[in-house]
Each structure stands twice: as C-alpha cells, then as structure tokens.
Amino acid sequence: MGPENQSSVSEFLLLGLPMRPGQQRGFFTLFLGMYLTTVLGNLLIILLIRLDSRLHTPMYFFLSHLAFSDISLSSVTVPKMLTNMQTRRQSIPYVGCIAQMYFFMCFAGVDNFLLAVMAYDRYGAICHPLHYTSIMTERQCVLLVAGSWILSCVNALLHTILLVRLSFCADNIISHFFCDLAALLKLSCSDISLNELVIFAEAGMLLFLPLCIVLGSYVRIGTIILRVPSTKGLYKAFSTCGSHLFVVFLYYGTLVGVYFFSSSWGSKDIIASVMYMVVTPMLNPFIYSLRNRDIKQALEMCVKKVNFLKQQSLHPLIAVRSK
C-alpha cells in the first residue's frame, strides 16, 4: 500500500456544540432528556404497532421501521456527544470516527427512503383506494423496506471505502459534534475530487429522487383532497397526511439547509444538524401519536391491559391477607 493511502491520524478531536464551559451541564441534561424521549417514544410506537392487530397495515409497518431508524440515528451520535460533555474529552479514534460516519449515513439514508415510501403509500391509499390492497401487498411492503435498507447500507459503504483511501495529515480537529463526511473531506490532504463527484452524482438519485416522489405524491393527493365536497372528508384526509408531511418538511428542510446552502461549518449548521438528528427523531412519536386516532386507541388499550393485569396480580394477595 502506498503512502498516499495511509492515514497518519490515529484519532480526531470533536469540538462539539458551540457553547461556553459553564453551559455544558445544562446542555448535557437537555440532550440526555431528548435522547431518552427519542428512544422511549419510538420504542413505544414499535411496541404498540407490534401488539395491536389493528395497526398491522402497510402505513404502520413503514412507521415502525422509521421509528427504529430514528432510534438508531440518534444512538449513533448523541451518546458519544453526551460522553464528551461529561468527561470533557473530545477525542474519537480513527476507526470509531469512520464507523460513526458509516452508520450515520446508513440510518439517515433509511429515513430518507422510508419517508418517500410512506408518501407513496398515502398516495395509493387516497388516490387509488380500490386498488390499494393489490398495490400494497405484504410482499411489496417487505420489498420496499428491504430495498431502503440495502440501498442505504451500500451507499454508506461506498462513501466509507472512498474515504479510507484518503490520508489525513496534521489537522485532525472536526468542527462538529460527530464525524460527518463533509467535515472529514475538508480535513483530508489528498485529492477528494472522486469523493465529491460521487457525492454530487448520487445526490440526484438518493436524495432528490425520494424528495420528488414525496412532493409528487402530495401534489397528487392535494388535488384529490380539494375535490372532496364534505368538510369531514377533507379533515380526515388532511389528518392522515398532515403528520407525515410535517416530518418531511422538518427533515428535508434542515438536511438541505446543512448540505446544500452551507459554505462552511458554523453554529447555524450545527444547530440544523441537531434539528434533523436529535429533534426530529424525538418529535416523530408525538407527531404521529397526537394526531393519529389509531395510535391513541392502541395506547389506551395497552394502558387498560396493564391496569387489568395489575389488578389481577393484586387479587391473590388481597385474598391471602383476608384469610
């Protein structure tokens, strides 16, 4: 292996969030609470979908995978950020940094594809209700989810392979709270033209194509909704798609703002990264549950079952004490 393929850097330094030393405890508590809310909220969504047979539909099948991907996306970066805040150590090993970048790209890609799949699912349900069951068969749903995971993993692997062939010299300071591909490429002292070419070539297929599917689906859905004569039907259609549409704008808005309208990593870009990496996964359970009658009913049924089991477990103890 030639010297140009070898990295002289054994670790990187993550500068983290732009904050004063005295603010670290407050930010640590805030992000720890947000991370726990993300994990518990999305796990609850997965559990409800798993337990309630009424939620065994394509829409909730996709939602359960989105919830799992959101947990994974936050878990790739937030625990390391919290550890750095607590220990005040900013270093991350070279291998750990590359692994973090790979899994971040993988789970972010899965989110991207699943949002497009969910938009297509709503398009089929609203625009072609009579053919929906034949369009969204169980096999078709599994293929769409499997394709999302495979494409995301292959894309992340391609960028990882292209990155490890680069060399990193003296500068190993990353002005971010995680190992992002764009930030790592700026630190490289090798020729990154091939990396940039692949990034821009794939951007049209792996980012803008799903975005076009989302926008095209909702434009078509909007034209159908506007033809609905009754206010009740209009509200029902909007409530079905409103939560997903809000997540789409929140996710793509911050993502495009960071990677396509940013010249250098600054505090605004880091805040935008926090939005799509921490805030959006945390808000998803609330967005999908507070505006979703099926999820709320499943939650109520789950609470009733838990209370019933508690009462059943207490009855034998009461009977023994009465004797």
Protein backbone atom coordinates (compact mmCIF):
# COMPACT_ATOMS: atom_id res chain seq x y z
CA MET A 1 0.00 0.00 0.00
CA GLY A 2 1.41 3.38 -0.99
CA PRO A 3 1.86 6.23 1.43
CA GLU A 4 -0.93 8.16 -0.15
CA ASN A 5 -3.38 5.51 1.02
CA GLN A 6 -2.21 5.59 4.62
CA SER A 7 -3.52 7.92 7.31
CA SER A 8 -1.11 9.42 9.83
CA VAL A 9 -4.03 10.38 12.10
CA SER A 10 -4.91 7.91 14.86
CA GLU A 11 -7.75 9.99 16.30
CA PHE A 12 -9.88 13.06 15.67
CA LEU A 13 -10.98 15.83 18.01
CA LEU A 14 -14.68 16.72 18.03
CA LEU A 15 -15.19 20.35 19.04
CA GLY A 16 -18.84 19.61 19.86
CA LEU A 17 -21.61 22.15 20.24
CA PRO A 18 -20.77 25.88 20.26
CA MET A 19 -21.30 26.62 23.96
CA ARG A 20 -19.47 28.07 26.96
CA PRO A 21 -17.91 25.73 29.54
CA GLY A 22 -20.44 26.81 32.17
CA GLN A 23 -23.33 25.76 29.92
CA GLN A 24 -22.22 22.15 29.50
CA ARG A 25 -24.19 20.78 32.46
CA GLY A 26 -27.41 22.37 31.24
CA PHE A 27 -26.90 21.15 27.66
CA PHE A 28 -25.98 17.69 28.94
CA THR A 29 -29.26 17.44 30.87
CA LEU A 30 -31.23 18.79 27.89
CA PHE A 31 -29.78 16.39 25.33
CA LEU A 32 -29.94 13.44 27.70
CA GLY A 33 -33.65 14.10 28.20
CA MET A 34 -34.19 14.48 24.45
CA TYR A 35 -32.31 11.26 23.73
CA LEU A 36 -34.25 9.26 26.33
CA THR A 37 -37.51 10.71 24.96
CA THR A 38 -36.46 9.67 21.45
CA VAL A 39 -35.63 6.10 22.47
CA LEU A 40 -38.64 5.54 24.74
CA GLY A 41 -41.12 7.30 22.44
CA ASN A 42 -40.09 5.40 19.32
CA LEU A 43 -39.90 2.10 21.23
CA LEU A 44 -43.46 2.73 22.39
CA ILE A 45 -44.55 3.26 18.77
CA ILE A 46 -42.88 -0.02 17.74
CA LEU A 47 -44.43 -1.87 20.70
CA LEU A 48 -47.95 -0.59 20.03
CA ILE A 49 -47.74 -1.50 16.35
CA ARG A 50 -46.46 -4.94 17.27
CA LEU A 51 -49.13 -5.67 19.90
CA ASP A 52 -52.27 -4.17 18.31
CA SER A 53 -53.52 -6.19 15.33
CA ARG A 54 -55.48 -3.17 14.05
CA LEU A 55 -52.13 -1.49 13.33
CA HIS A 56 -50.87 -4.34 11.16
CA THR A 57 -51.25 -2.28 7.99
CA PRO A 58 -48.67 -1.01 5.46
CA MET A 59 -48.65 2.52 6.87
CA TYR A 60 -47.80 1.37 10.40
CA PHE A 61 -45.38 -1.26 9.11
CA PHE A 62 -43.38 1.55 7.49
CA LEU A 63 -43.80 3.73 10.58
CA SER A 64 -42.33 1.02 12.83
CA HIS A 65 -39.22 0.85 10.64
CA LEU A 66 -38.97 4.65 10.64
CA ALA A 67 -39.15 4.60 14.45
CA PHE A 68 -36.36 2.01 14.63
CA SER A 69 -34.24 4.02 12.19
CA ASP A 70 -34.78 7.18 14.26
CA ILE A 71 -33.61 5.40 17.42
CA SER A 72 -30.52 4.15 15.59
CA LEU A 73 -29.75 7.54 14.01
CA SER A 74 -29.77 9.29 17.39
CA SER A 75 -27.86 6.46 19.07
CA VAL A 76 -25.00 6.76 16.58
CA THR A 77 -24.12 10.32 17.60
CA VAL A 78 -25.87 11.51 20.78
CA PRO A 79 -24.32 9.07 23.33
CA LYS A 80 -20.81 9.99 22.14
CA MET A 81 -21.69 13.69 22.35
CA LEU A 82 -23.03 13.24 25.89
CA THR A 83 -19.92 11.27 26.89
CA ASN A 84 -17.67 14.04 25.59
CA MET A 85 -19.65 16.63 27.55
CA GLN A 86 -19.43 14.63 30.75
CA THR A 87 -15.76 13.58 30.54
CA ARG A 88 -14.59 16.75 28.74
CA ARG A 89 -12.62 14.51 26.39
CA GLN A 90 -13.15 15.38 22.72
CA SER A 91 -11.14 12.63 21.06
CA ILE A 92 -12.57 9.81 18.96
CA PRO A 93 -10.40 7.03 17.44
CA TYR A 94 -9.92 6.97 13.68
CA VAL A 95 -11.75 3.64 13.35
CA GLY A 96 -14.54 4.84 15.63
CA CYS A 97 -14.95 8.00 13.58
CA ILE A 98 -15.18 6.07 10.31
CA ALA A 99 -17.69 3.65 11.87
CA GLN A 100 -19.80 6.53 13.21
CA MET A 101 -19.85 8.15 9.78
CA TYR A 102 -20.89 4.88 8.11
CA PHE A 103 -23.79 4.17 10.46
CA PHE A 104 -24.93 7.79 10.41
CA MET A 105 -25.10 7.76 6.60
CA CYS A 106 -26.82 4.38 6.65
CA PHE A 107 -29.62 5.33 9.05
CA ALA A 108 -30.05 8.82 7.56
CA GLY A 109 -30.46 7.14 4.16
CA VAL A 110 -33.05 4.74 5.54
CA ASP A 111 -35.03 7.70 6.91
CA ASN A 112 -34.82 9.36 3.51
CA PHE A 113 -36.15 6.33 1.62
CA LEU A 114 -38.82 5.47 4.18
CA LEU A 115 -40.28 8.97 4.01
CA ALA A 116 -40.63 8.51 0.25
CA VAL A 117 -42.16 5.04 0.71
CA MET A 118 -44.66 6.39 3.24
CA ALA A 119 -45.64 9.19 0.86
CA TYR A 120 -46.19 6.65 -1.92
CA ASP A 121 -48.27 4.56 0.50
CA ARG A 122 -50.53 7.55 1.29
CA TYR A 123 -50.79 8.28 -2.44
CA GLY A 124 -52.04 4.75 -3.09
CA ALA A 125 -54.47 4.82 -0.16
CA ILE A 126 -56.05 8.17 -1.09
CA CYS A 127 -55.76 8.34 -4.87
CA HIS A 128 -56.38 4.63 -5.63
CA PRO A 129 -58.39 3.27 -2.69
CA LEU A 130 -59.99 0.45 -4.69
CA HIS A 131 -56.61 -0.90 -5.82
CA TYR A 132 -54.72 -0.12 -2.62
CA THR A 133 -54.75 -3.67 -1.25
CA SER A 134 -53.41 -5.04 -4.52
CA ILE A 135 -50.73 -2.33 -4.74
CA MET A 136 -49.50 -2.53 -1.13
CA THR A 137 -49.36 -6.28 -0.61
CA GLU A 138 -47.33 -7.74 2.25
CA ARG A 139 -44.64 -8.82 -0.20
CA GLN A 140 -44.49 -5.36 -1.74
CA CYS A 141 -44.12 -3.72 1.69
CA VAL A 142 -41.28 -6.04 2.66
CA LEU A 143 -39.50 -5.39 -0.66
CA LEU A 144 -39.81 -1.60 -0.24
CA VAL A 145 -38.39 -1.69 3.29
CA ALA A 146 -35.65 -4.17 2.39
CA GLY A 147 -34.71 -2.06 -0.64
CA SER A 148 -34.47 1.04 1.57
CA TRP A 149 -32.10 -0.69 3.98
CA ILE A 150 -29.96 -2.30 1.26
CA LEU A 151 -29.57 0.89 -0.80
CA SER A 152 -28.71 2.91 2.30
CA CYS A 153 -26.11 0.42 3.53
CA VAL A 154 -24.50 0.11 0.08
CA ASN A 155 -24.39 3.90 -0.34
CA ALA A 156 -22.80 4.36 3.10
CA LEU A 157 -20.30 1.59 2.37
CA LEU A 158 -19.30 3.21 -0.94
CA HIS A 159 -18.56 6.56 0.71
CA THR A 160 -16.70 4.82 3.54
CA ILE A 161 -14.45 2.92 1.10
CA LEU A 162 -13.72 6.13 -0.81
CA LEU A 163 -12.93 7.94 2.44
CA VAL A 164 -10.50 5.41 3.94
CA ARG A 165 -8.29 5.65 0.84
CA LEU A 166 -7.60 9.30 1.72
CA SER A 167 -4.83 10.47 4.02
CA PHE A 168 -5.23 12.87 6.93
CA CYS A 169 -2.22 14.89 7.96
CA ALA A 170 -1.67 17.33 10.81
CA ASP A 171 -5.15 18.82 11.11
CA ASN A 172 -7.47 16.43 12.97
CA ILE A 173 -9.95 18.88 14.52
CA ILE A 174 -13.57 18.41 13.41
CA SER A 175 -15.73 21.50 13.99
CA HIS A 176 -18.78 19.39 14.77
CA PHE A 177 -20.19 17.04 17.39
CA PHE A 178 -19.94 13.93 15.18
CA CYS A 179 -17.89 12.56 12.28
CA ASP A 180 -19.65 13.94 9.23
CA LEU A 181 -18.47 13.08 5.72
CA ALA A 182 -18.27 16.70 4.56
CA ALA A 183 -16.24 17.71 7.62
CA LEU A 184 -13.84 14.77 7.17
CA LEU A 185 -13.28 15.55 3.50
CA LYS A 186 -12.24 19.10 4.43
CA LEU A 187 -9.54 17.70 6.72
CA SER A 188 -8.04 15.41 4.09
CA CYS A 189 -4.76 16.37 2.47
CA SER A 190 -5.43 14.05 -0.51
CA ASP A 191 -7.28 14.65 -3.74
CA ILE A 192 -11.01 14.44 -2.94
CA SER A 193 -12.32 15.09 -6.47
CA LEU A 194 -13.56 11.49 -6.82
CA ASN A 195 -15.37 11.71 -3.48
CA GLU A 196 -17.05 14.96 -4.49
CA LEU A 197 -18.00 13.54 -7.89
CA VAL A 198 -19.69 10.53 -6.27
CA ILE A 199 -21.49 12.75 -3.75
CA PHE A 200 -22.97 15.03 -6.42
CA ALA A 201 -23.76 12.14 -8.76
CA GLU A 202 -25.63 10.26 -6.05
CA ALA A 203 -27.37 13.33 -4.68
CA GLY A 204 -29.80 13.34 -7.60
CA MET A 205 -30.67 9.67 -7.22
CA LEU A 206 -30.59 9.10 -3.47
CA LEU A 207 -31.81 12.46 -2.16
CA PHE A 208 -33.69 14.38 -4.82
CA LEU A 209 -35.44 11.34 -6.32
CA PRO A 210 -37.08 10.39 -2.97
CA LEU A 211 -37.85 14.07 -2.40
CA CYS A 212 -39.51 14.27 -5.84
CA ILE A 213 -41.54 11.15 -5.00
CA VAL A 214 -42.68 12.79 -1.77
CA LEU A 215 -43.59 16.09 -3.44
CA GLY A 216 -45.22 14.41 -6.43
CA SER A 217 -47.29 12.14 -4.20
CA TYR A 218 -48.56 15.02 -2.07
CA VAL A 219 -49.26 17.26 -5.03
CA ARG A 220 -51.45 14.49 -6.42
CA ILE A 221 -53.01 13.90 -3.01
CA GLY A 222 -53.69 17.63 -2.68
CA THR A 223 -55.59 17.74 -5.96
CA ILE A 224 -57.70 14.77 -4.83
CA ILE A 225 -58.36 16.30 -1.39
CA LEU A 226 -59.53 19.59 -2.90
CA ARG A 227 -62.17 17.70 -4.86
CA VAL A 228 -63.68 16.29 -1.66
CA PRO A 229 -67.01 18.09 -1.22
CA SER A 230 -67.50 17.46 2.51
CA THR A 231 -65.52 19.22 5.23
CA LYS A 232 -65.41 15.99 7.24
CA GLY A 233 -63.78 14.09 4.37
CA LEU A 234 -61.32 16.95 3.85
CA TYR A 235 -60.34 16.92 7.55
CA LYS A 236 -59.95 13.14 7.58
CA ALA A 237 -57.65 13.19 4.54
CA PHE A 238 -55.59 16.05 5.94
CA SER A 239 -55.22 14.42 9.37
CA THR A 240 -54.00 11.25 7.68
CA CYS A 241 -51.22 13.03 5.76
CA GLY A 242 -50.59 16.14 7.85
CA SER A 243 -48.30 14.50 10.40
CA HIS A 244 -46.17 12.82 7.74
CA LEU A 245 -45.96 16.00 5.68
CA PHE A 246 -44.77 17.96 8.72
CA VAL A 247 -41.99 15.40 9.36
CA VAL A 248 -40.98 15.56 5.68
CA PHE A 249 -40.59 19.34 5.71
CA LEU A 250 -38.72 19.27 9.03
CA TYR A 251 -36.33 16.54 7.85
CA TYR A 252 -35.62 17.73 4.31
CA GLY A 253 -35.61 21.41 5.23
CA THR A 254 -32.78 21.07 7.75
CA LEU A 255 -30.94 18.48 5.63
CA VAL A 256 -30.90 20.65 2.51
CA GLY A 257 -30.01 23.70 4.60
CA VAL A 258 -26.93 21.99 6.03
CA TYR A 259 -25.52 20.24 2.97
CA PHE A 260 -26.55 22.43 0.03
CA PHE A 261 -26.72 26.00 1.33
CA SER A 262 -23.70 25.99 3.62
CA SER A 263 -20.21 27.10 2.69
CA SER A 264 -18.52 26.18 5.97
CA TRP A 265 -19.41 24.51 9.25
CA GLY A 266 -20.72 27.14 11.66
CA SER A 267 -23.06 27.36 14.61
CA LYS A 268 -26.12 27.61 12.33
CA ASP A 269 -25.18 24.41 10.51
CA ILE A 270 -24.57 22.56 13.78
CA ILE A 271 -27.96 23.70 15.08
CA ALA A 272 -29.58 22.49 11.85
CA SER A 273 -27.79 19.14 12.25
CA VAL A 274 -29.17 18.88 15.78
CA MET A 275 -32.64 19.51 14.34
CA TYR A 276 -32.67 16.56 11.92
CA MET A 277 -30.51 14.26 14.07
CA VAL A 278 -31.91 14.87 17.56
CA VAL A 279 -35.07 16.98 17.45
CA THR A 280 -36.85 15.32 14.51
CA PRO A 281 -36.48 11.73 15.83
CA MET A 282 -37.71 12.96 19.23
CA LEU A 283 -40.76 14.72 17.75
CA ASN A 284 -41.82 11.87 15.47
CA PRO A 285 -43.60 9.81 18.19
CA PHE A 286 -45.52 12.90 19.32
CA ILE A 287 -46.39 13.98 15.78
CA TYR A 288 -47.62 10.54 14.74
CA SER A 289 -49.42 9.74 18.01
CA LEU A 290 -51.08 13.04 18.95
CA ARG A 291 -52.68 13.41 15.50
CA ASN A 292 -53.37 9.71 14.99
CA ARG A 293 -56.54 8.20 16.37
CA ASP A 294 -55.41 4.60 15.80
CA ILE A 295 -52.21 5.08 17.80
CA LYS A 296 -54.08 6.80 20.62
CA GLN A 297 -56.64 3.99 20.75
CA ALA A 298 -53.88 1.38 20.78
CA LEU A 299 -52.18 3.24 23.63
CA GLU A 300 -55.43 3.39 25.60
CA MET A 301 -55.97 -0.35 25.10
CA CYS A 302 -52.41 -1.06 26.21
CA VAL A 303 -52.87 1.03 29.38
CA LYS A 304 -56.14 -0.76 30.16
CA LYS A 305 -54.47 -4.16 29.74
CA VAL A 306 -51.63 -3.14 32.06
CA ASN A 307 -54.09 -1.90 34.69
CA PHE A 308 -56.12 -5.10 34.37
CA LEU A 309 -53.02 -7.27 34.84
CA LYS A 310 -52.06 -5.22 37.89
CA GLN A 311 -55.50 -5.77 39.42
CA GLN A 312 -55.34 -9.49 38.66
CA SER A 313 -51.94 -9.77 40.33
CA LEU A 314 -53.19 -7.92 43.42
CA HIS A 315 -56.34 -10.04 43.89
CA PRO A 316 -54.50 -13.17 45.15
CA LEU A 317 -52.58 -11.06 47.67
CA ILE A 318 -55.81 -9.49 48.95
CA ALA A 319 -57.41 -12.92 49.24
CA VAL A 320 -54.47 -14.28 51.24
CA ARG A 321 -54.48 -11.31 53.60
CA SER A 322 -58.25 -11.60 54.19
CA LYS A 323 -57.78 -15.24 55.27
